[in-house]
């Protein structure tokens, strides 16, 4: 029975992927700067109440103004939703999530686009071009921003998990700084998951604080600097003989060893 259930789930996943790739029976166009996604209100509106409210509002206005909605090849009236200037790669990841509850972080090459690995984020002085891994840190931070904007909690959680997995190996990438800038300029302080993960990454890799380019960056990011100081205050360094990079989940065990009476 478990094998049969797994087979059914795989078939359903393949069917959902087919719906996304073909746009069959689509009743809403989601518009990115680089692509129009022919998708389905039953799927995307179930995930995002923000898109759902927009569809409902536009439907009311269309009813008042008369039948002006576009129609699909199947004769179905189609709604429209525009993501504006949101990062097209991050939007593509969100589209994948709607249909598969996950997303691949391989950068898509859109029609008419030349694939470039040269970094296009803010200048950080004499920084070299961002590596693929550095771009992934920025990507997951931008996906988190979209998940916040469109009220998709599970996508927020997933993007944080993916960010942490990359950051464990690529914490020394300049992409960490751009990801931090994204988190601290595009999401509010009461949505702390990505900010907290970035602060934790800096804390666990404190040798970053010895770098001049990081000093320059932190001078322009006062909220990140304050959060980092507050985090360090709550998790003070041990004595010099024991100083090392620690996983946060180990701190409580160390506290027990040091301070629990024998």
Protein backbone atom coordinates (compact mmCIF):
# COMPACT_ATOMS: atom_id res chain seq x y z
CA UNK A 1 0.00 0.00 0.00
CA UNK A 2 2.75 2.55 0.77
CA UNK A 3 4.29 1.91 -2.66
CA UNK A 4 0.92 2.44 -4.32
CA UNK A 5 0.39 5.67 -2.40
CA UNK A 6 3.82 6.87 -3.48
CA UNK A 7 3.02 6.02 -7.08
CA UNK A 8 -0.23 7.98 -6.92
CA UNK A 9 1.59 10.96 -5.45
CA UNK A 10 4.19 10.84 -8.21
CA UNK A 11 1.47 10.68 -10.85
CA UNK A 12 -0.29 13.64 -9.28
CA UNK A 13 2.96 15.60 -9.17
CA UNK A 14 3.65 14.84 -12.83
CA UNK A 15 0.11 15.90 -13.73
CA UNK A 16 0.50 19.18 -11.85
CA UNK A 17 3.81 19.83 -13.59
CA UNK A 18 2.14 19.21 -16.93
CA UNK A 19 -0.57 21.74 -16.11
CA UNK A 20 2.10 24.32 -15.30
CA UNK A 21 4.22 23.65 -18.37
CA UNK A 22 1.36 23.46 -20.89
CA UNK A 23 -1.06 25.99 -19.41
CA UNK A 24 -3.92 23.64 -20.28
CA UNK A 25 -7.27 24.79 -18.80
CA UNK A 26 -5.57 27.97 -17.57
CA UNK A 27 -7.91 30.65 -16.24
CA UNK A 28 -5.37 33.25 -15.05
CA UNK A 29 -2.23 34.77 -16.53
CA UNK A 30 0.50 35.66 -14.03
CA UNK A 31 2.78 38.21 -15.66
CA UNK A 32 6.48 38.52 -14.88
CA UNK A 33 8.96 40.81 -16.61
CA UNK A 34 10.28 37.90 -18.68
CA UNK A 35 7.37 35.48 -18.99
CA UNK A 36 3.61 35.05 -18.84
CA UNK A 37 2.58 32.02 -16.80
CA UNK A 38 -0.72 30.47 -17.86
CA UNK A 39 -1.88 28.98 -14.59
CA UNK A 40 -4.97 28.11 -12.60
CA UNK A 41 -6.84 30.12 -9.99
CA UNK A 42 -7.77 26.98 -8.06
CA UNK A 43 -4.06 26.37 -7.51
CA UNK A 44 -2.47 29.78 -7.06
CA UNK A 45 -5.33 31.37 -5.13
CA UNK A 46 -5.30 28.44 -2.71
CA UNK A 47 -1.71 29.32 -1.85
CA UNK A 48 -1.87 33.11 -1.96
CA UNK A 49 -4.76 35.06 -0.42
CA UNK A 50 -3.22 38.22 -1.89
CA UNK A 51 -3.59 36.97 -5.46
CA UNK A 52 -7.03 35.62 -4.57
CA UNK A 53 -8.24 39.02 -3.34
CA UNK A 54 -6.88 40.66 -6.47
CA UNK A 55 -8.77 38.21 -8.67
CA UNK A 56 -11.98 38.77 -6.73
CA UNK A 57 -11.60 42.56 -6.89
CA UNK A 58 -10.88 42.53 -10.61
CA UNK A 59 -13.80 40.18 -11.25
CA UNK A 60 -16.17 42.62 -9.53
CA UNK A 61 -14.82 45.52 -11.57
CA UNK A 62 -15.12 43.50 -14.77
CA UNK A 63 -18.76 42.72 -13.98
CA UNK A 64 -19.45 46.42 -13.55
CA UNK A 65 -17.59 47.47 -16.69
CA UNK A 66 -18.83 44.67 -18.90
CA UNK A 67 -17.20 41.50 -20.28
CA UNK A 68 -13.65 42.60 -21.18
CA UNK A 69 -11.61 39.72 -19.78
CA UNK A 70 -9.43 37.83 -22.21
CA UNK A 71 -10.24 34.24 -23.03
CA UNK A 72 -8.09 31.16 -23.29
CA UNK A 73 -8.03 28.74 -26.19
CA UNK A 74 -10.63 26.76 -24.26
CA UNK A 75 -13.00 29.72 -24.17
CA UNK A 76 -12.43 30.24 -20.43
CA UNK A 77 -12.46 33.85 -19.21
CA UNK A 78 -8.97 34.61 -17.89
CA UNK A 79 -7.93 36.82 -15.02
CA UNK A 80 -4.65 38.75 -15.02
CA UNK A 81 -2.13 39.41 -12.27
CA UNK A 82 1.11 41.33 -12.75
CA UNK A 83 4.17 40.91 -10.52
CA UNK A 84 5.60 44.21 -11.72
CA UNK A 85 9.38 44.41 -11.58
CA UNK A 86 9.83 41.46 -9.20
CA UNK A 87 12.91 39.38 -9.91
CA UNK A 88 11.89 36.96 -12.70
CA UNK A 89 14.02 34.10 -11.34
CA UNK A 90 12.36 34.38 -7.93
CA UNK A 91 8.93 34.54 -9.58
CA UNK A 92 9.79 31.39 -11.54
CA UNK A 93 10.62 29.63 -8.27
CA UNK A 94 7.29 30.70 -6.80
CA UNK A 95 5.47 29.30 -9.83
CA UNK A 96 7.20 25.96 -9.30
CA UNK A 97 6.20 25.99 -5.65
CA UNK A 98 2.53 26.53 -6.49
CA UNK A 99 2.46 23.28 -8.43
CA UNK A 100 5.05 21.05 -6.74
CA UNK A 101 5.38 22.41 -3.16
CA UNK A 102 9.09 22.85 -3.86
CA UNK A 103 11.31 24.70 -6.30
CA UNK A 104 14.53 24.05 -8.19
CA UNK A 105 17.16 26.75 -7.93
CA UNK A 106 18.58 26.28 -11.42
CA UNK A 107 18.47 29.63 -13.16
CA UNK A 108 16.02 29.59 -16.08
CA UNK A 109 17.01 31.14 -19.40
CA UNK A 110 13.99 33.07 -20.61
CA UNK A 111 13.13 33.67 -24.25
CA UNK A 112 15.39 36.32 -25.76
CA UNK A 113 17.65 36.44 -22.72
CA UNK A 114 21.41 35.95 -22.74
CA UNK A 115 22.53 33.91 -19.73
CA UNK A 116 24.86 36.06 -17.66
CA UNK A 117 26.66 35.12 -14.47
CA UNK A 118 28.02 38.63 -14.01
CA UNK A 119 26.65 40.14 -10.86
CA UNK A 120 24.10 42.92 -11.26
CA UNK A 121 23.48 43.70 -7.61
CA UNK A 122 24.73 46.77 -5.76
CA UNK A 123 28.42 47.60 -6.03
CA UNK A 124 30.53 46.63 -3.05
CA UNK A 125 33.78 48.21 -4.07
CA UNK A 126 36.30 45.80 -5.53
CA UNK A 127 34.05 42.74 -5.34
CA UNK A 128 34.51 40.06 -7.94
CA UNK A 129 31.56 38.69 -9.94
CA UNK A 130 29.14 36.71 -7.82
CA UNK A 131 29.53 32.95 -8.02
CA UNK A 132 26.59 30.68 -8.75
CA UNK A 133 26.40 29.84 -5.06
CA UNK A 134 26.38 33.51 -4.14
CA UNK A 135 23.53 34.06 -6.56
CA UNK A 136 21.59 31.30 -4.81
CA UNK A 137 21.81 33.14 -1.50
CA UNK A 138 20.34 36.21 -3.18
CA UNK A 139 17.70 34.10 -4.92
CA UNK A 140 16.41 32.47 -1.74
CA UNK A 141 16.26 35.85 -0.02
CA UNK A 142 14.22 37.23 -2.93
CA UNK A 143 11.91 34.22 -2.88
CA UNK A 144 11.36 34.91 0.82
CA UNK A 145 10.43 38.50 -0.06
CA UNK A 146 7.85 37.30 -2.58
CA UNK A 147 6.50 34.76 -0.10
CA UNK A 148 5.99 37.58 2.39
CA UNK A 149 4.40 39.92 -0.17
CA UNK A 150 1.93 37.28 -1.33
CA UNK A 151 1.34 35.76 2.11
CA UNK A 152 2.61 32.22 1.49
CA UNK A 153 3.99 31.00 4.86
CA UNK A 154 5.13 27.58 3.62
CA UNK A 155 7.17 29.19 0.86
CA UNK A 156 8.76 31.48 3.43
CA UNK A 157 9.79 28.44 5.46
CA UNK A 158 11.11 26.62 2.40
CA UNK A 159 13.18 29.57 1.20
CA UNK A 160 14.77 29.93 4.66
CA UNK A 161 15.63 26.21 4.71
CA UNK A 162 17.22 26.45 1.26
CA UNK A 163 19.11 29.60 2.25
CA UNK A 164 20.53 27.90 5.34
CA UNK A 165 21.67 24.89 3.31
CA UNK A 166 23.60 27.10 0.87
CA UNK A 167 24.93 29.45 3.56
CA UNK A 168 26.53 26.58 5.47
CA UNK A 169 28.88 26.10 2.51
CA UNK A 170 28.95 29.54 0.90
CA UNK A 171 28.93 31.93 3.88
CA UNK A 172 32.08 33.60 2.55
CA UNK A 173 30.36 34.62 -0.67
CA UNK A 174 29.59 38.25 -1.45
CA UNK A 175 26.11 36.96 -2.17
CA UNK A 176 25.53 36.87 1.59
CA UNK A 177 25.77 40.65 1.71
CA UNK A 178 23.32 41.12 -1.15
CA UNK A 179 20.97 38.61 0.45
CA UNK A 180 21.19 40.57 3.70
CA UNK A 181 20.44 43.81 1.87
CA UNK A 182 17.39 42.19 0.27
CA UNK A 183 16.08 40.90 3.60
CA UNK A 184 16.62 44.18 5.44
CA UNK A 185 15.25 46.50 2.76
CA UNK A 186 12.37 44.47 1.30
CA UNK A 187 10.76 42.83 4.34
CA UNK A 188 9.61 44.40 7.63
CA UNK A 189 11.17 43.68 11.00
CA UNK A 190 8.10 41.75 12.16
CA UNK A 191 8.81 39.09 9.51
CA UNK A 192 12.09 37.97 11.07
CA UNK A 193 12.82 34.50 9.71
CA UNK A 194 15.25 35.44 6.93
CA UNK A 195 16.80 38.27 8.92
CA UNK A 196 17.40 35.90 11.83
CA UNK A 197 18.99 33.32 9.56
CA UNK A 198 21.35 35.93 8.12
CA UNK A 199 22.34 37.16 11.59
CA UNK A 200 22.95 33.56 12.65
CA UNK A 201 25.18 33.05 9.60
CA UNK A 202 27.29 36.08 10.50
CA UNK A 203 27.52 34.92 14.11
CA UNK A 204 28.59 31.39 13.26
CA UNK A 205 31.23 32.70 10.84
CA UNK A 206 32.56 35.64 12.82
CA UNK A 207 35.76 35.82 10.80
CA UNK A 208 33.64 37.76 8.31
CA UNK A 209 33.74 40.64 10.79
CA UNK A 210 37.49 40.95 10.20
CA UNK A 211 36.97 41.84 6.53
CA UNK A 212 37.12 45.49 5.47
CA UNK A 213 34.39 45.07 2.86
CA UNK A 214 32.07 43.69 5.56
CA UNK A 215 32.88 46.68 7.80
CA UNK A 216 31.90 49.00 4.97
CA UNK A 217 28.72 47.05 4.33
CA UNK A 218 27.61 46.99 7.97
CA UNK A 219 28.12 50.75 8.28
CA UNK A 220 25.35 51.14 5.73
CA UNK A 221 23.07 48.53 7.34
CA UNK A 222 22.37 49.80 10.88
CA UNK A 223 19.45 47.46 11.57
CA UNK A 224 21.49 44.40 10.63
CA UNK A 225 24.37 45.65 12.76
CA UNK A 226 22.04 46.18 15.73
CA UNK A 227 20.48 42.73 15.30
CA UNK A 228 23.94 41.17 15.16
CA UNK A 229 25.04 42.98 18.33
CA UNK A 230 21.86 41.93 20.14
CA UNK A 231 22.37 38.34 19.04
CA UNK A 232 25.97 38.34 20.25
CA UNK A 233 24.80 39.82 23.55
CA UNK A 234 22.37 36.94 24.00
CA UNK A 235 24.98 34.36 22.96
CA UNK A 236 28.25 35.69 24.40
CA UNK A 237 31.56 34.26 23.32
CA UNK A 238 33.25 31.74 25.57
CA UNK A 239 36.75 32.22 26.92
CA UNK A 240 39.57 32.58 24.40
CA UNK A 241 40.70 29.00 24.94
CA UNK A 242 37.26 27.77 23.92
CA UNK A 243 36.43 30.30 21.23
CA UNK A 244 35.25 28.63 18.05
CA UNK A 245 32.41 28.79 15.60
CA UNK A 246 29.36 27.20 17.22
CA UNK A 247 26.05 25.97 16.01
CA UNK A 248 23.30 27.81 17.87
CA UNK A 249 21.60 24.57 18.84
CA UNK A 250 24.75 23.57 20.76
CA UNK A 251 24.82 26.68 22.93
CA UNK A 252 22.37 25.38 25.50
CA UNK A 253 24.37 22.18 26.00
CA UNK A 254 27.52 24.23 26.53
CA UNK A 255 25.73 26.46 29.02
CA UNK A 256 24.64 23.40 30.99
CA UNK A 257 28.19 22.04 31.08
CA UNK A 258 29.66 25.36 32.22
CA UNK A 259 27.07 26.56 34.71
CA UNK A 260 25.12 23.60 36.08
CA UNK A 261 26.36 22.87 39.63
CA UNK A 262 28.09 19.51 39.94
